[in-house]
Protein backbone atom coordinates (compact mmCIF):
# COMPACT_ATOMS: atom_id res chain seq x y z
CA MET A 1 -34.40 19.81 -16.67
CA ASN A 2 -31.45 18.19 -14.93
CA ARG A 3 -30.13 15.66 -17.44
CA LEU A 4 -26.43 16.15 -18.18
CA HIS A 5 -27.18 16.67 -21.87
CA ASP A 6 -29.48 19.58 -20.99
CA ILE A 7 -26.88 20.97 -18.58
CA THR A 8 -24.30 20.80 -21.36
CA GLU A 9 -26.50 22.74 -23.78
CA THR A 10 -27.23 25.35 -21.12
CA TYR A 11 -23.49 25.86 -20.57
CA ILE A 12 -22.62 26.04 -24.27
CA HIS A 13 -25.40 28.54 -24.95
CA HIS A 14 -24.48 30.72 -21.98
CA GLN A 15 -20.81 30.84 -23.00
CA GLY A 16 -21.65 31.64 -26.63
CA MET A 17 -19.62 28.64 -27.79
CA ARG A 18 -20.28 26.30 -30.69
CA ARG A 19 -19.64 22.59 -30.51
CA ILE A 20 -17.65 21.28 -33.50
CA LYS A 21 -17.24 17.62 -32.53
CA GLY A 22 -18.84 15.16 -30.16
CA GLU A 23 -22.33 14.80 -28.85
CA GLY A 24 -24.28 14.46 -25.63
CA ALA A 25 -22.50 15.54 -22.47
CA ASP A 26 -18.90 15.17 -23.63
CA PRO A 27 -18.13 18.92 -23.19
CA LEU A 28 -18.49 18.24 -19.46
CA LEU A 29 -15.51 15.84 -19.43
CA PRO A 30 -12.90 18.61 -18.91
CA LEU A 31 -14.85 19.80 -15.86
CA PHE A 32 -15.04 16.25 -14.50
CA MET A 33 -11.29 15.76 -14.97
CA LEU A 34 -10.43 19.07 -13.34
CA ASP A 35 -12.65 18.24 -10.38
CA VAL A 36 -10.42 15.20 -9.79
CA VAL A 37 -7.38 17.48 -10.15
CA ASN A 38 -8.84 19.79 -7.50
CA THR A 39 -9.39 16.89 -5.10
CA ILE A 40 -5.74 15.81 -5.42
CA TYR A 41 -4.58 19.44 -5.20
CA ARG A 42 -6.44 19.99 -1.91
CA SER A 43 -5.50 16.66 -0.31
CA ASP A 44 -1.85 16.25 -1.37
CA LEU A 45 -0.42 19.58 -2.51
CA LEU A 46 -2.10 22.47 -0.70
CA PRO A 47 -0.96 21.21 2.74
CA GLN A 48 2.71 21.26 1.65
CA ASP A 49 5.00 23.79 3.32
CA SER A 50 5.95 25.52 0.07
CA ARG A 51 8.34 28.42 -0.34
CA ARG A 52 7.12 31.81 -1.51
CA GLU A 53 7.31 31.26 -5.27
CA ALA A 54 5.83 27.78 -4.97
CA LYS A 55 2.98 29.13 -2.82
CA LYS A 56 2.23 31.65 -5.56
CA ALA A 57 2.12 28.84 -8.13
CA LEU A 58 -0.43 26.99 -5.98
CA LYS A 59 -2.47 30.17 -5.53
CA ASP A 60 -2.47 30.90 -9.28
CA TRP A 61 -3.37 27.27 -10.00
CA ALA A 62 -6.37 27.48 -7.63
CA LYS A 63 -7.45 30.83 -9.09
CA ASN A 64 -7.66 29.37 -12.61
CA TYR A 65 -9.61 26.35 -11.39
CA HIS A 66 -12.13 28.34 -9.36
CA GLU A 67 -12.73 30.81 -12.20
CA LEU A 68 -13.36 27.95 -14.64
CA ASN A 69 -15.68 26.20 -12.20
CA ALA A 70 -17.55 29.42 -11.35
CA ASP A 71 -18.07 30.16 -15.06
CA PHE A 72 -19.79 26.82 -15.37
CA PHE A 73 -21.84 26.58 -12.19
CA ARG A 74 -23.25 30.11 -12.40
CA THR A 75 -25.15 29.02 -15.54
CA LEU A 76 -27.03 26.25 -13.69
CA THR A 77 -30.07 26.04 -11.45
CA ASP A 78 -29.70 24.59 -7.94
CA GLU A 79 -31.12 21.29 -9.16
CA GLN A 80 -28.69 21.16 -12.07
CA GLN A 81 -25.78 21.97 -9.76
CA ASP A 82 -26.73 19.04 -7.52
CA ARG A 83 -26.88 16.76 -10.57
CA MET A 84 -23.43 17.89 -11.69
CA ILE A 85 -21.87 17.39 -8.26
CA ASP A 86 -23.27 13.85 -8.14
CA ALA A 87 -21.90 13.17 -11.64
CA MET A 88 -18.46 14.55 -10.70
CA ASP A 89 -18.33 12.32 -7.62
CA ALA A 90 -19.34 9.31 -9.73
CA PHE A 91 -16.65 10.14 -12.30
CA GLU A 92 -13.95 10.38 -9.65
CA SER A 93 -14.92 6.95 -8.35
CA PHE A 94 -15.16 5.52 -11.89
CA ILE A 95 -11.57 6.41 -12.83
CA GLY A 96 -10.10 5.97 -9.34
CA ASN A 97 -8.23 2.72 -10.05
CA GLU A 98 -6.66 4.08 -13.24
CA VAL A 99 -5.57 7.27 -11.46
CA MET A 100 -3.90 5.16 -8.75
CA ILE A 101 -2.20 2.91 -11.32
CA THR A 102 -0.80 5.99 -13.08
CA ARG A 103 0.44 7.42 -9.78
CA VAL A 104 2.17 4.11 -8.98
CA ALA A 105 3.85 4.17 -12.41
CA VAL A 106 5.09 7.70 -11.69
CA MET A 107 6.32 6.68 -8.23
CA ASN A 108 8.23 3.75 -9.75
CA LEU A 109 9.92 6.12 -12.19
CA LEU A 110 10.88 8.49 -9.38
CA SER A 111 12.10 5.62 -7.20
CA GLY A 112 14.44 4.61 -10.02
CA HIS A 113 15.96 8.11 -9.78
CA GLY A 114 16.63 7.71 -6.06
CA ILE A 115 13.80 9.94 -4.85
CA GLU A 116 12.49 9.12 -1.36
CA LEU A 117 8.97 7.80 -0.78
CA GLU A 118 7.32 10.98 0.57
CA ALA A 119 8.65 13.02 -2.34
CA GLN A 120 7.39 10.30 -4.70
CA ARG A 121 3.90 10.68 -3.22
CA ILE A 122 3.92 14.45 -3.61
CA LEU A 123 5.43 14.48 -7.09
CA SER A 124 3.14 11.73 -8.34
CA ALA A 125 0.20 13.86 -7.17
CA VAL A 126 1.29 16.95 -9.09
CA MET A 127 2.23 14.90 -12.15
CA ILE A 128 -1.18 13.18 -12.33
CA CYS A 129 -2.80 16.60 -11.94
CA ASN A 130 -0.81 17.90 -14.88
CA ILE A 131 -1.64 14.80 -16.96
CA LEU A 132 -5.37 15.16 -16.27
CA ALA A 133 -5.24 18.87 -17.10
CA GLN A 134 -3.54 18.04 -20.41
CA CYS A 135 -6.29 15.49 -21.14
CA ALA A 136 -8.94 18.10 -20.29
CA GLN A 137 -7.33 20.57 -22.69
CA ILE A 138 -7.17 17.99 -25.49
CA VAL A 139 -10.89 17.22 -25.09
CA TRP A 140 -11.73 20.93 -25.00
CA ARG A 141 -9.67 21.58 -28.12
CA GLU A 142 -11.28 18.71 -30.02
CA ILE A 143 -14.80 19.78 -29.14
CA TYR A 144 -14.28 23.47 -29.82
CA ASN A 145 -12.27 23.29 -33.04
CA GLY A 146 -8.76 23.92 -31.76
CA ARG A 147 -9.67 26.50 -29.14
CA ASP A 148 -7.60 26.14 -25.98
CA ASN A 149 -9.20 27.08 -22.69
CA ILE A 150 -6.99 29.73 -21.07
CA ARG A 151 -7.90 28.64 -17.55
CA ILE A 152 -7.04 25.00 -18.24
CA GLN A 153 -3.82 26.30 -19.77
CA GLY A 154 -3.21 28.20 -16.54
CA ILE A 155 -3.74 25.06 -14.45
CA MET A 156 -1.24 23.19 -16.63
CA LEU A 157 1.28 26.03 -16.45
CA HIS A 158 1.15 26.53 -12.68
CA SER A 159 1.09 22.81 -11.83
CA GLU A 160 4.21 22.29 -13.93
CA ARG A 161 5.80 25.36 -12.37
CA TRP A 162 5.12 24.07 -8.86
CA MET A 163 6.51 20.65 -9.81
CA LYS A 164 9.76 22.08 -11.16
CA LEU A 165 10.13 24.31 -8.10
CA TYR A 166 9.70 21.25 -5.88
CA PHE A 167 12.55 19.50 -7.68
CA GLN A 168 14.67 22.65 -7.45
CA ASN A 169 13.92 23.41 -3.80
CA HIS A 170 14.74 19.84 -2.79
CA SER A 171 17.94 19.77 -4.83
CA ARG A 172 16.69 17.10 -7.18
CA GLU A 173 17.24 16.78 -10.91
CA TYR A 174 13.98 17.18 -12.85
CA VAL A 175 12.46 13.87 -14.00
CA ASN A 176 10.29 14.02 -17.12
CA PRO A 177 7.34 11.60 -16.83
CA ASN A 178 6.53 11.93 -20.54
CA GLU A 179 9.52 9.78 -21.48
CA ASP A 180 8.52 6.67 -19.52
CA LYS A 181 6.77 3.77 -21.29
CA ALA A 182 4.98 2.45 -18.19
CA ILE A 183 3.52 5.89 -17.52
CA GLU A 184 2.53 6.23 -21.17
CA ASP A 185 0.69 2.90 -21.01
CA SER A 186 -1.08 3.77 -17.75
CA VAL A 187 -2.12 7.18 -19.10
CA THR A 188 -3.53 5.47 -22.20
CA SER A 189 -5.62 3.19 -19.96
CA LEU A 190 -6.73 6.20 -17.94
CA CYS A 191 -7.81 8.06 -21.07
CA LEU A 192 -9.75 5.03 -22.33
CA LYS A 193 -11.56 4.81 -18.98
CA ILE A 194 -12.39 8.52 -19.18
CA VAL A 195 -13.88 8.06 -22.65
CA LYS A 196 -15.81 5.02 -21.42
CA TYR A 197 -17.47 7.19 -18.79
CA LEU A 198 -19.31 8.97 -21.58
CA GLN A 199 -21.36 5.82 -22.10
CA THR A 200 -22.72 6.10 -18.56
CA LEU A 201 -23.95 9.67 -18.98
CA SER A 202 -27.60 10.33 -19.55
């Protein structure tokens, strides 16, 4: 039993949750999205030489992610875990272009505010992480009848905290990506691609 639908039902049963909306493997989408967040976190943000408070934000961010992931994977057999890891890797590749387009839109916004290229790269990374975490929370809330996931909420909180500390520590005025039309359009395309991935699940 390693189909993603079966894995989904195993997870829901183990957590004592009840699906309100959706079907098939859609409850796995938040986990797929947060796996992409974790990849960006490890490659672009964790290596940064952050100050004490910012380091704590990164640590708290990672703690929430690992607790969420552990809650899920402990319910699965070794075979199911391998199936999930393959599906997560496939998802990351599937939405890769849309993630990059969104990051470029963010970098263009930051460039317009006079922010140098390296800072654009770092800030676009944390902003796309926060966007994906918001998407994950929306999916979770829809599926589970308005219930927010506290660990996803923690990821959102600490990623935003780290982002604002980065602006502050580098003497930059905070730039809100939610007010930019190009970013809004790219996020819409990203969300549509995420939903489309559901059609590939079996």
